Amino acid sequence: MNTQTKQGIKKTIESLIETATTFDIEKLDSIYHDNMQVIMIDASGQTMISNKQTFKDLFQSKLDNGDEPLNTWAEFYHIESNQNNGHAILKRKVNLTGVEQKIALSIDLIWEDNRWQVTREVIFTEFE
């Protein structure tokens, strides 16, 4: 059971990683908050803003294409919990665009409906 603690946040992020890397859209739907926002900044400084549906569609297309599961590697740098709000900073190795790369993530969560839900992901691709 995930609780309103740092450990609960870490378990939620680990579950998110497992869910996303295996393209489990139904479970992803319960981890991503309905108003989730994803801000992706690439190495050239270009910014792309997405929402829950866009990210679910991305993983659905990988499932439909028969893509292999993604890398589950993660390194956590910071986790904090403040009652109903959580935050995590981590690095991951992912292949979202056809090339595996390291990314840094800042993930905001809210405790709602008796579980942690991701409200925002800020993703930075590896800068040169």
C-alpha atoms as a PDB file:
ATOM      1  CA  MET A   1       0.000   0.000   0.000  1.00  0.00           C
ATOM      2  CA  ASN A   2       1.367   3.409  -0.947  1.00  0.00           C
ATOM      3  CA  THR A   3       1.278   5.910   1.885  1.00  0.00           C
ATOM      4  CA  GLN A   4       1.767   9.638   2.199  1.00  0.00           C
ATOM      5  CA  THR A   5       5.502   9.198   2.810  1.00  0.00           C
ATOM      6  CA  LYS A   6       8.729   9.431   0.845  1.00  0.00           C
ATOM      7  CA  GLN A   7       8.687   5.636   0.561  1.00  0.00           C
ATOM      8  CA  GLY A   8       5.128   5.788  -0.815  1.00  0.00           C
ATOM      9  CA  ILE A   9       6.240   8.295  -3.438  1.00  0.00           C
ATOM     10  CA  LYS A  10       9.223   6.138  -4.404  1.00  0.00           C
ATOM     11  CA  LYS A  11       6.961   3.080  -4.740  1.00  0.00           C
ATOM     12  CA  THR A  12       4.574   5.067  -6.934  1.00  0.00           C
ATOM     13  CA  ILE A  13       7.422   6.233  -9.203  1.00  0.00           C
ATOM     14  CA  GLU A  14       8.799   2.674  -9.398  1.00  0.00           C
ATOM     15  CA  SER A  15       5.299   1.461 -10.292  1.00  0.00           C
ATOM     16  CA  LEU A  16       5.051   4.221 -12.911  1.00  0.00           C
ATOM     17  CA  ILE A  17       8.352   3.091 -14.429  1.00  0.00           C
ATOM     18  CA  GLU A  18       7.253  -0.560 -14.533  1.00  0.00           C
ATOM     19  CA  THR A  19       3.849   0.402 -15.924  1.00  0.00           C
ATOM     20  CA  ALA A  20       5.182   2.744 -18.617  1.00  0.00           C
ATOM     21  CA  THR A  21       8.032   0.467 -19.705  1.00  0.00           C
ATOM     22  CA  THR A  22       5.614  -2.426 -20.269  1.00  0.00           C
ATOM     23  CA  PHE A  23       2.935  -0.197 -21.848  1.00  0.00           C
ATOM     24  CA  ASP A  24       0.227  -1.038 -19.262  1.00  0.00           C
ATOM     25  CA  ILE A  25      -2.173   1.713 -20.327  1.00  0.00           C
ATOM     26  CA  GLU A  26      -4.889   0.873 -17.788  1.00  0.00           C
ATOM     27  CA  LYS A  27      -2.521   1.112 -14.830  1.00  0.00           C
ATOM     28  CA  LEU A  28      -0.861   4.186 -16.316  1.00  0.00           C
ATOM     29  CA  ASP A  29      -4.293   5.818 -16.373  1.00  0.00           C
ATOM     30  CA  SER A  30      -4.582   5.427 -12.589  1.00  0.00           C
ATOM     31  CA  ILE A  31      -1.078   6.766 -11.858  1.00  0.00           C
ATOM     32  CA  TYR A  32      -1.347   9.815 -14.115  1.00  0.00           C
ATOM     33  CA  HIS A  33      -3.672  12.507 -12.734  1.00  0.00           C
ATOM     34  CA  ASP A  34      -6.403  13.636 -15.137  1.00  0.00           C
ATOM     35  CA  ASN A  35      -4.829  17.117 -15.283  1.00  0.00           C
ATOM     36  CA  MET A  36      -1.256  15.873 -15.708  1.00  0.00           C
ATOM     37  CA  GLN A  37       1.149  18.011 -17.700  1.00  0.00           C
ATOM     38  CA  VAL A  38       4.428  16.855 -19.250  1.00  0.00           C
ATOM     39  CA  ILE A  39       7.035  19.445 -20.169  1.00  0.00           C
ATOM     40  CA  MET A  40       9.915  18.039 -22.208  1.00  0.00           C
ATOM     41  CA  ILE A  41      13.022  20.130 -22.879  1.00  0.00           C
ATOM     42  CA  ASP A  42      15.549  18.755 -25.357  1.00  0.00           C
ATOM     43  CA  ALA A  43      19.292  19.388 -25.593  1.00  0.00           C
ATOM     44  CA  SER A  44      18.767  22.340 -27.950  1.00  0.00           C
ATOM     45  CA  GLY A  45      16.370  24.009 -25.493  1.00  0.00           C
ATOM     46  CA  GLN A  46      13.249  23.241 -27.509  1.00  0.00           C
ATOM     47  CA  THR A  47      10.179  22.719 -25.306  1.00  0.00           C
ATOM     48  CA  MET A  48       7.259  20.376 -25.929  1.00  0.00           C
ATOM     49  CA  ILE A  49       4.202  20.340 -23.664  1.00  0.00           C
ATOM     50  CA  SER A  50       1.954  17.279 -23.500  1.00  0.00           C
ATOM     51  CA  ASN A  51      -0.899  16.007 -21.377  1.00  0.00           C
ATOM     52  CA  LYS A  52      -2.099  12.689 -19.978  1.00  0.00           C
ATOM     53  CA  GLN A  53      -3.838  11.579 -23.158  1.00  0.00           C
ATOM     54  CA  THR A  54      -0.855  12.397 -25.372  1.00  0.00           C
ATOM     55  CA  PHE A  55       1.480  10.347 -23.181  1.00  0.00           C
ATOM     56  CA  LYS A  56      -0.982   7.457 -22.950  1.00  0.00           C
ATOM     57  CA  ASP A  57      -1.251   7.542 -26.764  1.00  0.00           C
ATOM     58  CA  LEU A  58       2.551   7.398 -27.038  1.00  0.00           C
ATOM     59  CA  PHE A  59       2.711   4.233 -24.927  1.00  0.00           C
ATOM     60  CA  GLN A  60      -0.342   2.759 -26.688  1.00  0.00           C
ATOM     61  CA  SER A  61       1.419   3.178 -30.046  1.00  0.00           C
ATOM     62  CA  LYS A  62       4.482   1.358 -28.683  1.00  0.00           C
ATOM     63  CA  LEU A  63       2.207  -1.466 -27.506  1.00  0.00           C
ATOM     64  CA  ASP A  64       0.377  -1.570 -30.860  1.00  0.00           C
ATOM     65  CA  ASN A  65       3.709  -1.656 -32.729  1.00  0.00           C
ATOM     66  CA  GLY A  66       4.909  -4.600 -30.648  1.00  0.00           C
ATOM     67  CA  ASP A  67       7.863  -2.633 -29.271  1.00  0.00           C
ATOM     68  CA  GLU A  68      10.073  -4.321 -26.706  1.00  0.00           C
ATOM     69  CA  PRO A  69       9.662  -3.141 -23.091  1.00  0.00           C
ATOM     70  CA  LEU A  70      11.687  -0.052 -22.259  1.00  0.00           C
ATOM     71  CA  ASN A  71      14.646   0.191 -19.907  1.00  0.00           C
ATOM     72  CA  THR A  72      13.645   0.312 -16.211  1.00  0.00           C
ATOM     73  CA  TRP A  73      16.921   1.842 -14.962  1.00  0.00           C
ATOM     74  CA  ALA A  74      16.410   4.749 -12.557  1.00  0.00           C
ATOM     75  CA  GLU A  75      18.549   6.669 -10.099  1.00  0.00           C
ATOM     76  CA  PHE A  76      16.723   8.715  -7.456  1.00  0.00           C
ATOM     77  CA  TYR A  77      18.324  11.962  -6.255  1.00  0.00           C
ATOM     78  CA  HIS A  78      15.632  13.543  -4.115  1.00  0.00           C
ATOM     79  CA  ILE A  79      12.198  12.604  -2.769  1.00  0.00           C
ATOM     80  CA  GLU A  80      10.027  14.731  -0.533  1.00  0.00           C
ATOM     81  CA  SER A  81       6.554  14.384   0.894  1.00  0.00           C
ATOM     82  CA  ASN A  82       4.515  17.183   2.433  1.00  0.00           C
ATOM     83  CA  GLN A  83       1.110  15.792   3.414  1.00  0.00           C
ATOM     84  CA  ASN A  84      -0.791  15.758   0.096  1.00  0.00           C
ATOM     85  CA  ASN A  85       2.062  16.881  -2.170  1.00  0.00           C
ATOM     86  CA  GLY A  86       5.111  14.969  -3.300  1.00  0.00           C
ATOM     87  CA  HIS A  87       8.144  15.593  -5.435  1.00  0.00           C
ATOM     88  CA  ALA A  88      10.874  13.378  -6.876  1.00  0.00           C
ATOM     89  CA  ILE A  89      13.989  14.090  -8.916  1.00  0.00           C
ATOM     90  CA  LEU A  90      15.585  11.207 -10.781  1.00  0.00           C
ATOM     91  CA  LYS A  91      17.518  10.115 -13.844  1.00  0.00           C
ATOM     92  CA  ARG A  92      16.327   7.461 -16.282  1.00  0.00           C
ATOM     93  CA  LYS A  93      17.511   5.718 -19.423  1.00  0.00           C
ATOM     94  CA  VAL A  94      14.649   5.706 -21.922  1.00  0.00           C
ATOM     95  CA  ASN A  95      13.857   5.280 -25.591  1.00  0.00           C
ATOM     96  CA  LEU A  96      10.796   7.408 -26.268  1.00  0.00           C
ATOM     97  CA  THR A  97      11.900   8.702 -29.661  1.00  0.00           C
ATOM     98  CA  GLY A  98      13.800   5.795 -31.211  1.00  0.00           C
ATOM     99  CA  VAL A  99      17.115   6.442 -29.446  1.00  0.00           C
ATOM    100  CA  GLU A 100      17.922   5.423 -25.864  1.00  0.00           C
ATOM    101  CA  GLN A 101      19.141   8.396 -23.883  1.00  0.00           C
ATOM    102  CA  LYS A 102      19.544   9.541 -20.305  1.00  0.00           C
ATOM    103  CA  ILE A 103      16.968  12.006 -19.100  1.00  0.00           C
ATOM    104  CA  ALA A 104      16.514  13.916 -15.854  1.00  0.00           C
ATOM    105  CA  LEU A 105      13.010  14.147 -14.448  1.00  0.00           C
ATOM    106  CA  SER A 106      11.324  16.347 -11.893  1.00  0.00           C
ATOM    107  CA  ILE A 107       8.005  14.729 -10.972  1.00  0.00           C
ATOM    108  CA  ASP A 108       5.239  16.355  -8.917  1.00  0.00           C
ATOM    109  CA  LEU A 109       2.561  14.221  -7.286  1.00  0.00           C
ATOM    110  CA  ILE A 110      -0.648  14.784  -5.363  1.00  0.00           C
ATOM    111  CA  TRP A 111      -2.294  12.460  -2.836  1.00  0.00           C
ATOM    112  CA  GLU A 112      -5.846  12.082  -4.149  1.00  0.00           C
ATOM    113  CA  ASP A 113      -8.365   9.221  -4.089  1.00  0.00           C
ATOM    114  CA  ASN A 114      -6.185   7.464  -1.496  1.00  0.00           C
ATOM    115  CA  ARG A 115      -3.143   7.197  -3.797  1.00  0.00           C
ATOM    116  CA  TRP A 116      -0.279   9.227  -5.217  1.00  0.00           C
ATOM    117  CA  GLN A 117      -0.937  10.560  -8.725  1.00  0.00           C
ATOM    118  CA  VAL A 118       1.522  12.288 -11.053  1.00  0.00           C
ATOM    119  CA  THR A 119       0.437  15.850 -11.826  1.00  0.00           C
ATOM    120  CA  ARG A 120       3.538  17.073 -13.651  1.00  0.00           C
ATOM    121  CA  GLU A 121       6.654  15.623 -15.231  1.00  0.00           C
ATOM    122  CA  VAL A 122       9.420  17.954 -16.331  1.00  0.00           C
ATOM    123  CA  ILE A 123      11.808  15.983 -18.535  1.00  0.00           C
ATOM    124  CA  PHE A 124      15.270  17.198 -19.531  1.00  0.00           C
ATOM    125  CA  THR A 125      17.182  15.256 -22.154  1.00  0.00           C
ATOM    126  CA  GLU A 126      20.909  14.860 -21.544  1.00  0.00           C
ATOM    127  CA  PHE A 127      22.620  18.140 -22.298  1.00  0.00           C
ATOM    128  CA  GLU A 128      26.002  18.224 -24.048  1.00  0.00           C
END
